[in-house]
Amino acid sequence: MATNPPSGDGHRNGAVKGRSQFQHPNGTWFKRDKSTGQIMDGKADGTKFKGVRREKPKGK
Protein backbone atom coordinates (compact mmCIF):
# COMPACT_ATOMS: atom_id res chain seq x y z
CA MET A 1 0.00 0.00 0.00
CA ALA A 2 1.29 3.45 -0.86
CA THR A 3 2.04 6.01 1.82
CA ASN A 4 2.43 9.75 1.75
CA PRO A 5 5.73 10.47 3.50
CA PRO A 6 6.77 11.75 5.93
CA SER A 7 4.81 9.61 8.37
CA GLY A 8 3.80 11.13 11.69
CA ASP A 9 3.48 14.69 10.36
CA GLY A 10 -0.09 15.07 11.65
CA HIS A 11 -2.14 14.79 8.46
CA ARG A 12 -4.69 12.14 7.52
CA ASN A 13 -4.52 9.91 4.44
CA GLY A 14 -8.04 9.40 3.12
CA ALA A 15 -11.52 10.18 4.39
CA VAL A 16 -12.93 9.80 7.90
CA LYS A 17 -15.15 6.68 8.05
CA GLY A 18 -18.38 6.28 10.02
CA ARG A 19 -19.13 9.99 10.31
CA SER A 20 -20.95 12.69 8.40
CA GLN A 21 -21.43 16.41 8.83
CA PHE A 22 -24.27 18.84 8.33
CA GLN A 23 -24.79 22.57 8.71
CA HIS A 24 -27.33 23.89 11.20
CA PRO A 25 -29.38 26.92 10.02
CA ASN A 26 -27.36 29.14 12.37
CA GLY A 27 -24.20 28.32 10.35
CA THR A 28 -22.56 25.87 12.79
CA TRP A 29 -21.23 22.61 11.31
CA PHE A 30 -21.97 19.46 13.33
CA LYS A 31 -20.45 15.98 13.08
CA ARG A 32 -22.79 12.97 13.39
CA ASP A 33 -21.97 9.32 14.17
CA LYS A 34 -23.21 7.15 11.30
CA SER A 35 -24.21 4.11 13.35
CA THR A 36 -26.05 5.81 16.25
CA GLY A 37 -27.07 9.12 14.66
CA GLN A 38 -25.86 11.05 17.71
CA ILE A 39 -24.19 14.42 17.27
CA MET A 40 -20.53 14.17 18.22
CA ASP A 41 -19.09 17.66 17.86
CA GLY A 42 -19.77 21.16 16.56
CA LYS A 43 -17.46 23.83 15.15
CA ALA A 44 -17.81 27.31 16.61
CA ASP A 45 -15.86 29.08 13.85
CA GLY A 46 -18.37 28.19 11.11
CA THR A 47 -15.98 26.19 8.91
CA LYS A 48 -16.44 22.59 7.76
CA PHE A 49 -14.67 19.55 9.22
CA LYS A 50 -11.86 18.27 7.00
CA GLY A 51 -12.24 14.83 5.43
CA VAL A 52 -15.80 14.20 6.72
CA ARG A 53 -18.54 13.63 4.14
CA ARG A 54 -21.47 16.06 4.04
CA GLU A 55 -25.10 15.06 4.42
CA LYS A 56 -27.57 16.14 1.78
CA PRO A 57 -30.19 18.61 3.06
CA LYS A 58 -33.65 17.10 3.45
CA GLY A 59 -36.22 18.11 0.86
CA LYS A 60 -33.71 18.77 -1.92
PDB file of N, CA and C in Angstrom:
ATOM      1  N   MET A   1       0.843  -1.175   0.000  1.00  0.00           N
ATOM      2  CA  MET A   1       0.000   0.000   0.000  1.00  0.00           C
ATOM      3  C   MET A   1       0.891   1.242   0.000  1.00  0.00           C
ATOM      4  N   ALA A   2       0.508   2.220  -0.757  1.00  0.00           N
ATOM      5  CA  ALA A   2       1.294   3.446  -0.864  1.00  0.00           C
ATOM      6  C   ALA A   2       1.097   4.317   0.365  1.00  0.00           C
ATOM      7  N   THR A   3       2.126   5.062   0.707  1.00  0.00           N
ATOM      8  CA  THR A   3       2.043   6.006   1.823  1.00  0.00           C
ATOM      9  C   THR A   3       2.448   7.387   1.329  1.00  0.00           C
ATOM     10  N   ASN A   4       2.056   8.385   2.072  1.00  0.00           N
ATOM     11  CA  ASN A   4       2.434   9.752   1.747  1.00  0.00           C
ATOM     12  C   ASN A   4       3.442  10.225   2.796  1.00  0.00           C
ATOM     13  N   PRO A   5       4.740  10.097   2.505  1.00  0.00           N
ATOM     14  CA  PRO A   5       5.734  10.474   3.500  1.00  0.00           C
ATOM     15  C   PRO A   5       5.734  11.982   3.727  1.00  0.00           C
ATOM     16  N   PRO A   6       6.232  12.504   4.801  1.00  0.00           N
ATOM     17  CA  PRO A   6       6.765  11.752   5.926  1.00  0.00           C
ATOM     18  C   PRO A   6       5.649  11.283   6.850  1.00  0.00           C
ATOM     19  N   SER A   7       5.824  10.115   7.453  1.00  0.00           N
ATOM     20  CA  SER A   7       4.808   9.614   8.371  1.00  0.00           C
ATOM     21  C   SER A   7       4.920  10.358   9.698  1.00  0.00           C
ATOM     22  N   GLY A   8       3.793  10.474  10.394  1.00  0.00           N
ATOM     23  CA  GLY A   8       3.801  11.132  11.691  1.00  0.00           C
ATOM     24  C   GLY A   8       3.802  12.642  11.630  1.00  0.00           C
ATOM     25  N   ASP A   9       3.465  13.226  10.464  1.00  0.00           N
ATOM     26  CA  ASP A   9       3.481  14.686  10.357  1.00  0.00           C
ATOM     27  C   ASP A   9       2.125  15.316  10.672  1.00  0.00           C
ATOM     28  N   GLY A  10       1.163  14.510  11.161  1.00  0.00           N
ATOM     29  CA  GLY A  10      -0.088  15.073  11.655  1.00  0.00           C
ATOM     30  C   GLY A  10      -1.202  15.214  10.634  1.00  0.00           C
ATOM     31  N   HIS A  11      -1.045  14.703   9.424  1.00  0.00           N
ATOM     32  CA  HIS A  11      -2.136  14.788   8.455  1.00  0.00           C
ATOM     33  C   HIS A  11      -2.729  13.408   8.203  1.00  0.00           C
ATOM     34  N   ARG A  12      -3.966  13.391   7.751  1.00  0.00           N
ATOM     35  CA  ARG A  12      -4.685  12.144   7.522  1.00  0.00           C
ATOM     36  C   ARG A  12      -4.602  11.749   6.049  1.00  0.00           C
ATOM     37  N   ASN A  13      -4.451  10.450   5.799  1.00  0.00           N
ATOM     38  CA  ASN A  13      -4.516   9.908   4.440  1.00  0.00           C
ATOM     39  C   ASN A  13      -5.897   9.319   4.244  1.00  0.00           C
ATOM     40  N   GLY A  14      -6.715   9.920   3.390  1.00  0.00           N
ATOM     41  CA  GLY A  14      -8.041   9.399   3.119  1.00  0.00           C
ATOM     42  C   GLY A  14      -9.122  10.050   3.951  1.00  0.00           C
ATOM     43  N   ALA A  15     -10.352   9.591   3.736  1.00  0.00           N
ATOM     44  CA  ALA A  15     -11.523  10.177   4.392  1.00  0.00           C
ATOM     45  C   ALA A  15     -11.757   9.566   5.768  1.00  0.00           C
ATOM     46  N   VAL A  16     -12.524  10.291   6.591  1.00  0.00           N
ATOM     47  CA  VAL A  16     -12.934   9.796   7.899  1.00  0.00           C
ATOM     48  C   VAL A  16     -14.117   8.862   7.679  1.00  0.00           C
ATOM     49  N   LYS A  17     -14.077   7.661   8.251  1.00  0.00           N
ATOM     50  CA  LYS A  17     -15.149   6.676   8.053  1.00  0.00           C
ATOM     51  C   LYS A  17     -16.116   6.702   9.227  1.00  0.00           C
ATOM     52  N   GLY A  18     -17.382   6.422   8.961  1.00  0.00           N
ATOM     53  CA  GLY A  18     -18.375   6.281  10.015  1.00  0.00           C
ATOM     54  C   GLY A  18     -18.910   7.591  10.564  1.00  0.00           C
ATOM     55  N   ARG A  19     -18.652   8.694   9.863  1.00  0.00           N
ATOM     56  CA  ARG A  19     -19.134   9.991  10.313  1.00  0.00           C
ATOM     57  C   ARG A  19     -19.630  10.795   9.138  1.00  0.00           C
ATOM     58  N   SER A  20     -20.497  11.752   9.421  1.00  0.00           N
ATOM     59  CA  SER A  20     -20.949  12.690   8.404  1.00  0.00           C
ATOM     60  C   SER A  20     -21.114  14.042   9.068  1.00  0.00           C
ATOM     61  N   GLN A  21     -21.247  15.084   8.274  1.00  0.00           N
ATOM     62  CA  GLN A  21     -21.430  16.414   8.833  1.00  0.00           C
ATOM     63  C   GLN A  21     -22.578  17.116   8.142  1.00  0.00           C
ATOM     64  N   PHE A  22     -23.179  18.035   8.864  1.00  0.00           N
ATOM     65  CA  PHE A  22     -24.270  18.836   8.328  1.00  0.00           C
ATOM     66  C   PHE A  22     -24.180  20.230   8.924  1.00  0.00           C
ATOM     67  N   GLN A  23     -24.820  21.192   8.242  1.00  0.00           N
ATOM     68  CA  GLN A  23     -24.794  22.567   8.709  1.00  0.00           C
ATOM     69  C   GLN A  23     -26.146  22.939   9.295  1.00  0.00           C
ATOM     70  N   HIS A  24     -26.127  23.420  10.521  1.00  0.00           N
ATOM     71  CA  HIS A  24     -27.331  23.893  11.204  1.00  0.00           C
ATOM     72  C   HIS A  24     -27.706  25.239  10.585  1.00  0.00           C
ATOM     73  N   PRO A  25     -28.988  25.620  10.603  1.00  0.00           N
ATOM     74  CA  PRO A  25     -29.380  26.918  10.019  1.00  0.00           C
ATOM     75  C   PRO A  25     -28.634  28.130  10.595  1.00  0.00           C
ATOM     76  N   ASN A  26     -28.105  28.017  11.812  1.00  0.00           N
ATOM     77  CA  ASN A  26     -27.361  29.145  12.372  1.00  0.00           C
ATOM     78  C   ASN A  26     -25.924  29.226  11.847  1.00  0.00           C
ATOM     79  N   GLY A  27     -25.515  28.282  10.973  1.00  0.00           N
ATOM     80  CA  GLY A  27     -24.199  28.316  10.350  1.00  0.00           C
ATOM     81  C   GLY A  27     -23.173  27.396  10.982  1.00  0.00           C
ATOM     82  N   THR A  28     -23.485  26.771  12.118  1.00  0.00           N
ATOM     83  CA  THR A  28     -22.557  25.869  12.792  1.00  0.00           C
ATOM     84  C   THR A  28     -22.552  24.511  12.108  1.00  0.00           C
ATOM     85  N   TRP A  29     -21.361  23.955  11.883  1.00  0.00           N
ATOM     86  CA  TRP A  29     -21.231  22.612  11.314  1.00  0.00           C
ATOM     87  C   TRP A  29     -21.162  21.609  12.445  1.00  0.00           C
ATOM     88  N   PHE A  30     -21.937  20.517  12.330  1.00  0.00           N
ATOM     89  CA  PHE A  30     -21.970  19.460  13.328  1.00  0.00           C
ATOM     90  C   PHE A  30     -21.556  18.150  12.698  1.00  0.00           C
ATOM     91  N   LYS A  31     -20.879  17.307  13.505  1.00  0.00           N
ATOM     92  CA  LYS A  31     -20.454  15.983  13.077  1.00  0.00           C
ATOM     93  C   LYS A  31     -21.386  14.969  13.710  1.00  0.00           C
ATOM     94  N   ARG A  32     -21.848  13.977  12.910  1.00  0.00           N
ATOM     95  CA  ARG A  32     -22.789  12.973  13.391  1.00  0.00           C
ATOM     96  C   ARG A  32     -22.197  11.571  13.222  1.00  0.00           C
ATOM     97  N   ASP A  33     -22.386  10.719  14.236  1.00  0.00           N
ATOM     98  CA  ASP A  33     -21.968   9.322  14.168  1.00  0.00           C
ATOM     99  C   ASP A  33     -22.921   8.577  13.246  1.00  0.00           C
ATOM    100  N   LYS A  34     -22.381   7.815  12.305  1.00  0.00           N
ATOM    101  CA  LYS A  34     -23.208   7.155  11.297  1.00  0.00           C
ATOM    102  C   LYS A  34     -24.050   6.021  11.874  1.00  0.00           C
ATOM    103  N   SER A  35     -23.503   5.280  12.841  1.00  0.00           N
ATOM    104  CA  SER A  35     -24.214   4.114  13.351  1.00  0.00           C
ATOM    105  C   SER A  35     -25.310   4.483  14.348  1.00  0.00           C
ATOM    106  N   THR A  36     -25.065   5.459  15.224  1.00  0.00           N
ATOM    107  CA  THR A  36     -26.050   5.807  16.252  1.00  0.00           C
ATOM    108  C   THR A  36     -26.886   7.030  15.888  1.00  0.00           C
ATOM    109  N   GLY A  37     -26.366   7.894  15.027  1.00  0.00           N
ATOM    110  CA  GLY A  37     -27.072   9.116  14.664  1.00  0.00           C
ATOM    111  C   GLY A  37     -26.875  10.249  15.660  1.00  0.00           C
ATOM    112  N   GLN A  38     -26.080  10.019  16.707  1.00  0.00           N
ATOM    113  CA  GLN A  38     -25.855  11.053  17.711  1.00  0.00           C
ATOM    114  C   GLN A  38     -24.867  12.094  17.209  1.00  0.00           C
ATOM    115  N   ILE A  39     -25.099  13.343  17.613  1.00  0.00           N
ATOM    116  CA  ILE A  39     -24.189  14.424  17.267  1.00  0.00           C
ATOM    117  C   ILE A  39     -22.953  14.309  18.144  1.00  0.00           C
ATOM    118  N   MET A  40     -21.782  14.365  17.509  1.00  0.00           N
ATOM    119  CA  MET A  40     -20.529  14.172  18.218  1.00  0.00           C
ATOM    120  C   MET A  40     -19.862  15.486  18.593  1.00  0.00           C
ATOM    121  N   ASP A  41     -19.879  16.456  17.668  1.00  0.00           N
ATOM    122  CA  ASP A  41     -19.094  17.662  17.865  1.00  0.00           C
ATOM    123  C   ASP A  41     -19.647  18.768  16.978  1.00  0.00           C
ATOM    124  N   GLY A  42     -19.386  20.010  17.359  1.00  0.00           N
ATOM    125  CA  GLY A  42     -19.769  21.160  16.562  1.00  0.00           C
ATOM    126  C   GLY A  42     -18.595  22.109  16.444  1.00  0.00           C
ATOM    127  N   LYS A  43     -18.556  22.883  15.357  1.00  0.00           N
ATOM    128  CA  LYS A  43     -17.465  23.833  15.155  1.00  0.00           C
ATOM    129  C   LYS A  43     -17.975  25.245  15.352  1.00  0.00           C
ATOM    130  N   ALA A  44     -17.370  25.961  16.261  1.00  0.00           N
ATOM    131  CA  ALA A  44     -17.808  27.307  16.609  1.00  0.00           C
ATOM    132  C   ALA A  44     -17.393  28.346  15.571  1.00  0.00           C
ATOM    133  N   ASP A  45     -16.344  28.070  14.790  1.00  0.00           N
ATOM    134  CA  ASP A  45     -15.856  29.079  13.849  1.00  0.00           C
ATOM    135  C   ASP A  45     -16.607  29.090  12.522  1.00  0.00           C
ATOM    136  N   GLY A  46     -17.550  28.166  12.315  1.00  0.00           N
ATOM    137  CA  GLY A  46     -18.374  28.185  11.107  1.00  0.00           C
ATOM    138  C   GLY A  46     -17.752  27.541   9.891  1.00  0.00           C
ATOM    139  N   THR A  47     -16.599  26.883  10.038  1.00  0.00           N
ATOM    140  CA  THR A  47     -15.980  26.188   8.909  1.00  0.00           C
ATOM    141  C   THR A  47     -16.290  24.702   8.979  1.00  0.00           C
ATOM    142  N   LYS A  48     -16.134  24.014   7.845  1.00  0.00           N
ATOM    143  CA  LYS A  48     -16.441  22.589   7.765  1.00  0.00           C
ATOM    144  C   LYS A  48     -15.332  21.762   8.397  1.00  0.00           C
ATOM    145  N   PHE A  49     -15.671  20.512   8.780  1.00  0.00           N
ATOM    146  CA  PHE A  49     -14.674  19.548   9.223  1.00  0.00           C
ATOM    147  C   PHE A  49     -13.943  19.030   7.996  1.00  0.00           C
ATOM    148  N   LYS A  50     -12.643  18.775   8.120  1.00  0.00           N
ATOM    149  CA  LYS A  50     -11.862  18.267   6.995  1.00  0.00           C
ATOM    150  C   LYS A  50     -12.020  16.755   6.889  1.00  0.00           C
ATOM    151  N   GLY A  51     -12.229  16.259   5.690  1.00  0.00           N
ATOM    152  CA  GLY A  51     -12.242  14.832   5.430  1.00  0.00           C
ATOM    153  C   GLY A  51     -13.498  14.108   5.844  1.00  0.00           C
ATOM    154  N   VAL A  52     -14.545  14.826   6.287  1.00  0.00           N
ATOM    155  CA  VAL A  52     -15.796  14.202   6.717  1.00  0.00           C
ATOM    156  C   VAL A  52     -16.848  14.490   5.652  1.00  0.00           C
ATOM    157  N   ARG A  53     -17.555  13.439   5.209  1.00  0.00           N
ATOM    158  CA  ARG A  53     -18.536  13.634   4.144  1.00  0.00           C
ATOM    159  C   ARG A  53     -19.704  14.476   4.628  1.00  0.00           C
ATOM    160  N   ARG A  54     -20.343  15.187   3.709  1.00  0.00           N
ATOM    161  CA  ARG A  54     -21.468  16.055   4.042  1.00  0.00           C
ATOM    162  C   ARG A  54     -22.779  15.375   3.750  1.00  0.00           C
ATOM    163  N   GLU A  55     -23.762  15.602   4.619  1.00  0.00           N
ATOM    164  CA  GLU A  55     -25.100  15.060   4.420  1.00  0.00           C
ATOM    165  C   GLU A  55     -25.852  15.957   3.442  1.00  0.00           C
ATOM    166  N   LYS A  56     -26.734  15.354   2.670  1.00  0.00           N
ATOM    167  CA  LYS A  56     -27.573  16.145   1.782  1.00  0.00           C
ATOM    168  C   LYS A  56     -28.723  16.735   2.584  1.00  0.00           C
ATOM    169  N   PRO A  57     -29.064  18.008   2.346  1.00  0.00           N
ATOM    170  CA  PRO A  57     -30.186  18.609   3.062  1.00  0.00           C
ATOM    171  C   PRO A  57     -31.496  17.914   2.715  1.00  0.00           C
ATOM    172  N   LYS A  58     -32.356  17.755   3.702  1.00  0.00           N
ATOM    173  CA  LYS A  58     -33.647  17.099   3.446  1.00  0.00           C
ATOM    174  C   LYS A  58     -34.533  17.997   2.606  1.00  0.00           C
ATOM    175  N   GLY A  59     -35.301  17.373   1.718  1.00  0.00           N
ATOM    176  CA  GLY A  59     -36.218  18.106   0.861  1.00  0.00           C
ATOM    177  C   GLY A  59     -35.610  18.649  -0.407  1.00  0.00           C
ATOM    178  N   LYS A  60     -34.354  18.287  -0.694  1.00  0.00           N
ATOM    179  CA  LYS A  60     -33.707  18.772  -1.924  1.00  0.00           C
ATOM    180  C   LYS A  60     -33.228  17.621  -2.751  1.00  0.00           C
TER     181      LYS A  60
END
